[in-house]
């Protein structure tokens, strides 16, 4: 799910810096805002900043790791381990570093289980939805061949459905402080069509809608990271990890 935020907002600046693996911009963005509700995003940016030896990154990374452990959402422990390993306060996880776009991976993982999933190229970290693979094959474009997908280079990703997303709805409603809003949203997420009703109701309050997208994106990012760790890989932005298979680095 795309994180909807104004293009000139501090959070949008952070998001852009993480996407570019621009360590100095990450540190500048984190120094200008309260980022406790986007710890997964911030942590990925700080991995890049640490790798680039950016001034101020060490202190921020230590704070981020501590807050991830305190929050303890899915994927938080894995990211805290990565940050503390980069800070050299704990051994590196016995996982193969892989630069993966966690939002692209999440889009497959959170998809309809009745639909086909996709694959990750474990040499590059590139995420390929099954539809994109089929399109490339049909049009003669660049992409994996059918036989390639059975090699060790490709990690299959299955659609796991919306159970995690529904738990996000429940978690969000639990954070709404206005009793009337909380009651309306609790009713909206009951029964079939919960996601559509929830968003219809939430659209009345733009501030809450923005907060929902931040929480949803954060939790989806964490679930994707945890899934990848279970498969033996440590997720990280392209500029922050070494794609070498040597785990001793």
C-alpha atoms as a PDB file:
ATOM      1  CA  UNK A   1       0.000   0.000   0.000  1.00  0.00           C
ATOM      2  CA  UNK A   2       1.425   3.379  -0.992  1.00  0.00           C
ATOM      3  CA  UNK A   3       2.199   5.794   1.815  1.00  0.00           C
ATOM      4  CA  UNK A   4       0.123   8.840   1.019  1.00  0.00           C
ATOM      5  CA  UNK A   5       1.780  12.016   2.233  1.00  0.00           C
ATOM      6  CA  UNK A   6       2.184  15.499   0.851  1.00  0.00           C
ATOM      7  CA  UNK A   7       5.110  15.719  -1.530  1.00  0.00           C
ATOM      8  CA  UNK A   8       6.759  18.553   0.426  1.00  0.00           C
ATOM      9  CA  UNK A   9       6.172  17.141   3.923  1.00  0.00           C
ATOM     10  CA  UNK A  10       9.017  16.079   6.251  1.00  0.00           C
ATOM     11  CA  UNK A  11       7.863  12.474   5.971  1.00  0.00           C
ATOM     12  CA  UNK A  12       7.917  12.663   2.184  1.00  0.00           C
ATOM     13  CA  UNK A  13      11.448  14.039   2.411  1.00  0.00           C
ATOM     14  CA  UNK A  14      12.453  11.091   4.593  1.00  0.00           C
ATOM     15  CA  UNK A  15      10.820   8.642   2.238  1.00  0.00           C
ATOM     16  CA  UNK A  16      12.653  10.117  -0.744  1.00  0.00           C
ATOM     17  CA  UNK A  17      15.973  10.042   1.101  1.00  0.00           C
ATOM     18  CA  UNK A  18      15.505   6.380   2.024  1.00  0.00           C
ATOM     19  CA  UNK A  19      14.563   5.503  -1.548  1.00  0.00           C
ATOM     20  CA  UNK A  20      17.714   7.230  -2.839  1.00  0.00           C
ATOM     21  CA  UNK A  21      19.824   5.741   0.000  1.00  0.00           C
ATOM     22  CA  UNK A  22      20.973   9.313   0.659  1.00  0.00           C
ATOM     23  CA  UNK A  23      22.458   8.994   4.142  1.00  0.00           C
ATOM     24  CA  UNK A  24      23.001  12.715   4.843  1.00  0.00           C
ATOM     25  CA  UNK A  25      19.424  13.491   3.732  1.00  0.00           C
ATOM     26  CA  UNK A  26      18.111  10.695   5.977  1.00  0.00           C
ATOM     27  CA  UNK A  27      19.882  12.123   9.013  1.00  0.00           C
ATOM     28  CA  UNK A  28      18.692  15.641   8.161  1.00  0.00           C
ATOM     29  CA  UNK A  29      15.092  14.462   7.761  1.00  0.00           C
ATOM     30  CA  UNK A  30      15.133  12.512  11.028  1.00  0.00           C
ATOM     31  CA  UNK A  31      16.638  15.461  12.865  1.00  0.00           C
ATOM     32  CA  UNK A  32      13.717  17.653  11.762  1.00  0.00           C
ATOM     33  CA  UNK A  33      10.759  15.541  12.896  1.00  0.00           C
ATOM     34  CA  UNK A  34       9.326  13.041  15.341  1.00  0.00           C
ATOM     35  CA  UNK A  35       9.784   9.737  13.519  1.00  0.00           C
ATOM     36  CA  UNK A  36       8.648   7.224  16.127  1.00  0.00           C
ATOM     37  CA  UNK A  37       5.676   6.182  14.003  1.00  0.00           C
ATOM     38  CA  UNK A  38       7.913   5.299  11.025  1.00  0.00           C
ATOM     39  CA  UNK A  39      10.679   3.310  12.711  1.00  0.00           C
ATOM     40  CA  UNK A  40      10.886   0.711   9.942  1.00  0.00           C
ATOM     41  CA  UNK A  41      11.363   3.370   7.283  1.00  0.00           C
ATOM     42  CA  UNK A  42      13.776   5.329   9.466  1.00  0.00           C
ATOM     43  CA  UNK A  43      15.781   2.208  10.257  1.00  0.00           C
ATOM     44  CA  UNK A  44      16.313   1.404   6.595  1.00  0.00           C
ATOM     45  CA  UNK A  45      17.520   4.932   6.011  1.00  0.00           C
ATOM     46  CA  UNK A  46      19.858   4.748   8.980  1.00  0.00           C
ATOM     47  CA  UNK A  47      21.409   1.531   7.682  1.00  0.00           C
ATOM     48  CA  UNK A  48      22.418   3.509   4.608  1.00  0.00           C
ATOM     49  CA  UNK A  49      23.607   6.454   6.718  1.00  0.00           C
ATOM     50  CA  UNK A  50      25.753   4.179   8.888  1.00  0.00           C
ATOM     51  CA  UNK A  51      27.267   2.523   5.826  1.00  0.00           C
ATOM     52  CA  UNK A  52      28.123   6.009   4.523  1.00  0.00           C
ATOM     53  CA  UNK A  53      29.563   7.083   7.903  1.00  0.00           C
ATOM     54  CA  UNK A  54      27.256  10.090   8.125  1.00  0.00           C
ATOM     55  CA  UNK A  55      27.744  12.293  11.152  1.00  0.00           C
ATOM     56  CA  UNK A  56      24.892  11.882  13.632  1.00  0.00           C
ATOM     57  CA  UNK A  57      23.818   8.493  12.279  1.00  0.00           C
ATOM     58  CA  UNK A  58      25.262   6.486  15.181  1.00  0.00           C
ATOM     59  CA  UNK A  59      23.182   8.219  17.837  1.00  0.00           C
ATOM     60  CA  UNK A  60      20.005   8.073  15.749  1.00  0.00           C
ATOM     61  CA  UNK A  61      20.531   4.397  14.910  1.00  0.00           C
ATOM     62  CA  UNK A  62      20.979   3.519  18.573  1.00  0.00           C
ATOM     63  CA  UNK A  63      17.747   5.297  19.445  1.00  0.00           C
ATOM     64  CA  UNK A  64      15.917   3.643  16.557  1.00  0.00           C
ATOM     65  CA  UNK A  65      17.063   0.145  17.581  1.00  0.00           C
ATOM     66  CA  UNK A  66      15.964   0.712  21.179  1.00  0.00           C
ATOM     67  CA  UNK A  67      12.544   1.995  20.142  1.00  0.00           C
ATOM     68  CA  UNK A  68      12.073  -0.890  17.707  1.00  0.00           C
ATOM     69  CA  UNK A  69      12.713  -3.372  20.502  1.00  0.00           C
ATOM     70  CA  UNK A  70      10.317  -1.558  22.804  1.00  0.00           C
ATOM     71  CA  UNK A  71       7.557  -1.426  20.175  1.00  0.00           C
ATOM     72  CA  UNK A  72       8.094  -5.051  19.115  1.00  0.00           C
ATOM     73  CA  UNK A  73       5.900  -5.161  16.024  1.00  0.00           C
ATOM     74  CA  UNK A  74       6.521  -7.883  13.477  1.00  0.00           C
ATOM     75  CA  UNK A  75       9.855  -7.226  11.792  1.00  0.00           C
ATOM     76  CA  UNK A  76      11.051  -4.782  14.466  1.00  0.00           C
ATOM     77  CA  UNK A  77      13.415  -7.238  16.136  1.00  0.00           C
ATOM     78  CA  UNK A  78      15.000  -8.122  12.807  1.00  0.00           C
ATOM     79  CA  UNK A  79      15.653  -4.473  11.972  1.00  0.00           C
ATOM     80  CA  UNK A  80      16.971  -3.733  15.466  1.00  0.00           C
ATOM     81  CA  UNK A  81      19.411  -6.627  15.031  1.00  0.00           C
ATOM     82  CA  UNK A  82      20.604  -5.169  11.727  1.00  0.00           C
ATOM     83  CA  UNK A  83      21.095  -1.710  13.193  1.00  0.00           C
ATOM     84  CA  UNK A  84      22.971  -2.969  16.245  1.00  0.00           C
ATOM     85  CA  UNK A  85      25.162  -5.161  14.042  1.00  0.00           C
ATOM     86  CA  UNK A  86      25.982  -2.090  11.933  1.00  0.00           C
ATOM     87  CA  UNK A  87      26.798  -0.270  15.185  1.00  0.00           C
ATOM     88  CA  UNK A  88      29.050  -3.207  16.114  1.00  0.00           C
ATOM     89  CA  UNK A  89      27.311  -3.755  19.442  1.00  0.00           C
ATOM     90  CA  UNK A  90      26.145  -7.255  18.505  1.00  0.00           C
ATOM     91  CA  UNK A  91      27.154  -9.933  15.979  1.00  0.00           C
ATOM     92  CA  UNK A  92      25.697  -9.625  12.504  1.00  0.00           C
ATOM     93  CA  UNK A  93      22.586 -11.783  11.929  1.00  0.00           C
ATOM     94  CA  UNK A  94      23.328 -15.078  10.206  1.00  0.00           C
ATOM     95  CA  UNK A  95      21.355 -13.886   7.200  1.00  0.00           C
ATOM     96  CA  UNK A  96      22.414 -13.066   3.662  1.00  0.00           C
ATOM     97  CA  UNK A  97      22.169  -9.303   3.017  1.00  0.00           C
ATOM     98  CA  UNK A  98      19.835  -8.495   0.139  1.00  0.00           C
ATOM     99  CA  UNK A  99      18.683  -5.083  -1.143  1.00  0.00           C
ATOM    100  CA  UNK A 100      14.936  -5.512  -1.533  1.00  0.00           C
ATOM    101  CA  UNK A 101      12.175  -2.970  -2.083  1.00  0.00           C
ATOM    102  CA  UNK A 102      10.036  -3.990   0.880  1.00  0.00           C
ATOM    103  CA  UNK A 103       6.988  -2.179  -0.452  1.00  0.00           C
ATOM    104  CA  UNK A 104       7.109  -4.165  -3.683  1.00  0.00           C
ATOM    105  CA  UNK A 105       7.552  -7.381  -1.723  1.00  0.00           C
ATOM    106  CA  UNK A 106       4.692  -6.429   0.588  1.00  0.00           C
ATOM    107  CA  UNK A 107       2.394  -5.816  -2.374  1.00  0.00           C
ATOM    108  CA  UNK A 108       2.817  -9.470  -3.339  1.00  0.00           C
ATOM    109  CA  UNK A 109       2.664 -10.897   0.175  1.00  0.00           C
ATOM    110  CA  UNK A 110      -0.513  -8.993   1.059  1.00  0.00           C
ATOM    111  CA  UNK A 111      -2.238  -9.887  -2.216  1.00  0.00           C
ATOM    112  CA  UNK A 112      -5.195 -12.145  -2.874  1.00  0.00           C
ATOM    113  CA  UNK A 113      -4.244 -15.806  -2.168  1.00  0.00           C
ATOM    114  CA  UNK A 114      -6.278 -16.794  -5.227  1.00  0.00           C
ATOM    115  CA  UNK A 115      -3.866 -14.856  -7.438  1.00  0.00           C
ATOM    116  CA  UNK A 116      -0.345 -15.841  -8.454  1.00  0.00           C
ATOM    117  CA  UNK A 117       2.513 -14.410  -6.424  1.00  0.00           C
ATOM    118  CA  UNK A 118       5.953 -13.597  -7.731  1.00  0.00           C
ATOM    119  CA  UNK A 119       9.695 -14.038  -7.290  1.00  0.00           C
ATOM    120  CA  UNK A 120      12.753 -12.273  -5.884  1.00  0.00           C
ATOM    121  CA  UNK A 121      16.056 -12.341  -7.725  1.00  0.00           C
ATOM    122  CA  UNK A 122      18.393 -13.196  -4.834  1.00  0.00           C
ATOM    123  CA  UNK A 123      21.400 -11.914  -6.764  1.00  0.00           C
ATOM    124  CA  UNK A 124      20.025  -8.395  -7.220  1.00  0.00           C
ATOM    125  CA  UNK A 125      17.080  -8.139  -4.804  1.00  0.00           C
ATOM    126  CA  UNK A 126      14.730  -7.237  -7.658  1.00  0.00           C
ATOM    127  CA  UNK A 127      11.092  -8.161  -7.017  1.00  0.00           C
ATOM    128  CA  UNK A 128       9.087  -9.615  -9.913  1.00  0.00           C
ATOM    129  CA  UNK A 129       5.302 -10.048  -9.628  1.00  0.00           C
ATOM    130  CA  UNK A 130       4.114 -13.048 -11.627  1.00  0.00           C
ATOM    131  CA  UNK A 131       2.102 -10.752 -13.910  1.00  0.00           C
ATOM    132  CA  UNK A 132       5.261  -8.810 -14.804  1.00  0.00           C
ATOM    133  CA  UNK A 133       7.123 -12.037 -15.580  1.00  0.00           C
ATOM    134  CA  UNK A 134       4.345 -13.237 -17.864  1.00  0.00           C
ATOM    135  CA  UNK A 135       4.178  -9.881 -19.626  1.00  0.00           C
ATOM    136  CA  UNK A 136       7.936  -9.894 -20.241  1.00  0.00           C
ATOM    137  CA  UNK A 137       7.729 -13.418 -21.621  1.00  0.00           C
ATOM    138  CA  UNK A 138       4.806 -12.566 -23.899  1.00  0.00           C
ATOM    139  CA  UNK A 139       6.372  -9.389 -25.276  1.00  0.00           C
ATOM    140  CA  UNK A 140       9.955 -10.601 -25.464  1.00  0.00           C
ATOM    141  CA  UNK A 141      11.067  -8.074 -22.883  1.00  0.00           C
ATOM    142  CA  UNK A 142      13.806  -8.531 -20.329  1.00  0.00           C
ATOM    143  CA  UNK A 143      12.867 -10.853 -17.514  1.00  0.00           C
ATOM    144  CA  UNK A 144      13.411 -14.339 -16.121  1.00  0.00           C
ATOM    145  CA  UNK A 145      12.734 -17.315 -18.351  1.00  0.00           C
ATOM    146  CA  UNK A 146      10.334 -19.967 -17.110  1.00  0.00           C
ATOM    147  CA  UNK A 147      13.161 -22.446 -16.561  1.00  0.00           C
ATOM    148  CA  UNK A 148      15.220 -19.857 -14.666  1.00  0.00           C
ATOM    149  CA  UNK A 149      12.567 -19.605 -11.961  1.00  0.00           C
ATOM    150  CA  UNK A 150      13.370 -23.127 -10.765  1.00  0.00           C
ATOM    151  CA  UNK A 151      17.004 -22.253 -10.087  1.00  0.00           C
ATOM    152  CA  UNK A 152      18.481 -21.172  -6.759  1.00  0.00           C
ATOM    153  CA  UNK A 153      18.661 -17.621  -8.056  1.00  0.00           C
ATOM    154  CA  UNK A 154      14.911 -17.106  -7.648  1.00  0.00           C
ATOM    155  CA  UNK A 155      12.951 -17.049  -4.392  1.00  0.00           C
ATOM    156  CA  UNK A 156       9.233 -17.713  -4.777  1.00  0.00           C
ATOM    157  CA  UNK A 157       6.805 -15.343  -3.037  1.00  0.00           C
ATOM    158  CA  UNK A 158       3.191 -16.360  -2.409  1.00  0.00           C
ATOM    159  CA  UNK A 159       0.177 -14.154  -1.763  1.00  0.00           C
ATOM    160  CA  UNK A 160      -0.744 -14.510   1.906  1.00  0.00           C
ATOM    161  CA  UNK A 161      -3.945 -12.491   1.890  1.00  0.00           C
ATOM    162  CA  UNK A 162      -5.357  -9.746   4.071  1.00  0.00           C
ATOM    163  CA  UNK A 163      -5.193 -11.229   7.577  1.00  0.00           C
ATOM    164  CA  UNK A 164      -2.244  -9.030   8.482  1.00  0.00           C
ATOM    165  CA  UNK A 165      -3.996  -6.036   6.971  1.00  0.00           C
ATOM    166  CA  UNK A 166      -7.107  -6.672   9.040  1.00  0.00           C
ATOM    167  CA  UNK A 167      -5.011  -6.791  12.194  1.00  0.00           C
ATOM    168  CA  UNK A 168      -3.684  -3.391  11.122  1.00  0.00           C
ATOM    169  CA  UNK A 169      -7.252  -2.054  11.060  1.00  0.00           C
ATOM    170  CA  UNK A 170      -7.811  -3.296  14.587  1.00  0.00           C
ATOM    171  CA  UNK A 171      -4.497  -1.865  15.757  1.00  0.00           C
ATOM    172  CA  UNK A 172      -5.292   1.514  14.258  1.00  0.00           C
ATOM    173  CA  UNK A 173      -8.749   1.718  15.800  1.00  0.00           C
ATOM    174  CA  UNK A 174      -7.091   1.055  19.157  1.00  0.00           C
ATOM    175  CA  UNK A 175      -5.014   4.227  18.717  1.00  0.00           C
ATOM    176  CA  UNK A 176      -7.929   6.557  17.917  1.00  0.00           C
ATOM    177  CA  UNK A 177      -8.453   8.802  20.934  1.00  0.00           C
ATOM    178  CA  UNK A 178     -11.780  10.347  19.916  1.00  0.00           C
ATOM    179  CA  UNK A 179     -14.483   7.973  21.279  1.00  0.00           C
ATOM    180  CA  UNK A 180     -17.016   8.743  18.543  1.00  0.00           C
ATOM    181  CA  UNK A 181     -14.486   8.169  15.767  1.00  0.00           C
ATOM    182  CA  UNK A 182     -13.285   4.969  17.410  1.00  0.00           C
ATOM    183  CA  UNK A 183     -16.869   3.661  17.682  1.00  0.00           C
ATOM    184  CA  UNK A 184     -17.622   4.446  14.036  1.00  0.00           C
ATOM    185  CA  UNK A 185     -14.457   2.737  12.881  1.00  0.00           C
ATOM    186  CA  UNK A 186     -15.046  -0.305  15.089  1.00  0.00           C
ATOM    187  CA  UNK A 187     -18.440  -0.765  13.457  1.00  0.00           C
ATOM    188  CA  UNK A 188     -16.957  -0.235   9.993  1.00  0.00           C
ATOM    189  CA  UNK A 189     -14.429  -3.079  10.322  1.00  0.00           C
ATOM    190  CA  UNK A 190     -17.016  -5.643  11.388  1.00  0.00           C
ATOM    191  CA  UNK A 191     -17.979  -8.221   8.755  1.00  0.00           C
ATOM    192  CA  UNK A 192     -17.351  -8.487   5.032  1.00  0.00           C
ATOM    193  CA  UNK A 193     -16.216  -5.379   3.168  1.00  0.00           C
ATOM    194  CA  UNK A 194     -14.366  -4.086   6.221  1.00  0.00           C
ATOM    195  CA  UNK A 195     -11.534  -2.413   4.304  1.00  0.00           C
ATOM    196  CA  UNK A 196     -13.846  -0.453   2.004  1.00  0.00           C
ATOM    197  CA  UNK A 197     -16.116   0.700   4.850  1.00  0.00           C
ATOM    198  CA  UNK A 198     -13.143   1.580   7.020  1.00  0.00           C
ATOM    199  CA  UNK A 199     -11.650   3.843   4.352  1.00  0.00           C
ATOM    200  CA  UNK A 200     -15.015   5.406   3.551  1.00  0.00           C
ATOM    201  CA  UNK A 201     -15.492   6.360   7.197  1.00  0.00           C
ATOM    202  CA  UNK A 202     -11.877   7.417   7.709  1.00  0.00           C
ATOM    203  CA  UNK A 203     -11.997   9.728   4.684  1.00  0.00           C
ATOM    204  CA  UNK A 204     -14.054  12.143   6.802  1.00  0.00           C
ATOM    205  CA  UNK A 205     -10.976  12.940   8.867  1.00  0.00           C
ATOM    206  CA  UNK A 206      -7.907  13.666   6.693  1.00  0.00           C
ATOM    207  CA  UNK A 207      -5.564  13.766   9.679  1.00  0.00           C
ATOM    208  CA  UNK A 208      -6.621  10.290  10.744  1.00  0.00           C
ATOM    209  CA  UNK A 209      -6.424   9.034   7.156  1.00  0.00           C
ATOM    210  CA  UNK A 210      -2.833  10.249   6.876  1.00  0.00           C
ATOM    211  CA  UNK A 211      -2.011   8.565  10.187  1.00  0.00           C
ATOM    212  CA  UNK A 212      -3.602   5.325   8.961  1.00  0.00           C
ATOM    213  CA  UNK A 213      -1.451   5.225   5.851  1.00  0.00           C
ATOM    214  CA  UNK A 214       1.672   5.719   7.953  1.00  0.00           C
ATOM    215  CA  UNK A 215       0.730   2.895  10.326  1.00  0.00           C
ATOM    216  CA  UNK A 216      -0.334   0.559   7.522  1.00  0.00           C
ATOM    217  CA  UNK A 217       2.832   1.140   5.509  1.00  0.00           C
ATOM    218  CA  UNK A 218       4.992   0.686   8.584  1.00  0.00           C
ATOM    219  CA  UNK A 219       3.422  -2.607   9.602  1.00  0.00           C
ATOM    220  CA  UNK A 220       3.430  -3.969   6.047  1.00  0.00           C
ATOM    221  CA  UNK A 221       7.111  -3.087   5.756  1.00  0.00           C
ATOM    222  CA  UNK A 222       7.825  -4.941   8.987  1.00  0.00           C
ATOM    223  CA  UNK A 223       5.932  -8.043   7.907  1.00  0.00           C
ATOM    224  CA  UNK A 224       7.838  -8.131   4.614  1.00  0.00           C
ATOM    225  CA  UNK A 225      11.129  -7.829   6.502  1.00  0.00           C
ATOM    226  CA  UNK A 226      10.178 -10.642   8.881  1.00  0.00           C
ATOM    227  CA  UNK A 227       9.126 -12.871   5.961  1.00  0.00           C
ATOM    228  CA  UNK A 228      12.439 -12.274   4.223  1.00  0.00           C
ATOM    229  CA  UNK A 229      14.367 -13.041   7.419  1.00  0.00           C
ATOM    230  CA  UNK A 230      12.491 -16.344   7.729  1.00  0.00           C
ATOM    231  CA  UNK A 231      13.746 -17.144   4.224  1.00  0.00           C
ATOM    232  CA  UNK A 232      17.336 -16.456   5.291  1.00  0.00           C
ATOM    233  CA  UNK A 233      17.836 -12.884   4.065  1.00  0.00           C
ATOM    234  CA  UNK A 234      18.406  -9.548   5.783  1.00  0.00           C
ATOM    235  CA  UNK A 235      16.485  -6.814   3.993  1.00  0.00           C
ATOM    236  CA  UNK A 236      18.078  -3.465   3.417  1.00  0.00           C
ATOM    237  CA  UNK A 237      18.225  -0.559   0.974  1.00  0.00           C
ATOM    238  CA  UNK A 238      20.532  -1.011  -1.997  1.00  0.00           C
ATOM    239  CA  UNK A 239      23.103   1.468  -0.708  1.00  0.00           C
ATOM    240  CA  UNK A 240      23.252  -0.043   2.758  1.00  0.00           C
ATOM    241  CA  UNK A 241      23.962  -3.722   2.159  1.00  0.00           C
ATOM    242  CA  UNK A 242      26.523  -5.848   0.404  1.00  0.00           C
ATOM    243  CA  UNK A 243      25.036  -8.439  -1.917  1.00  0.00           C
ATOM    244  CA  UNK A 244      28.034 -10.722  -1.340  1.00  0.00           C
ATOM    245  CA  UNK A 245      26.961 -14.098   0.030  1.00  0.00           C
ATOM    246  CA  UNK A 246      29.650 -13.998   2.737  1.00  0.00           C
ATOM    247  CA  UNK A 247      27.754 -13.619   6.022  1.00  0.00           C
ATOM    248  CA  UNK A 248      30.880 -12.836   7.987  1.00  0.00           C
ATOM    249  CA  UNK A 249      31.010  -9.204   6.807  1.00  0.00           C
END
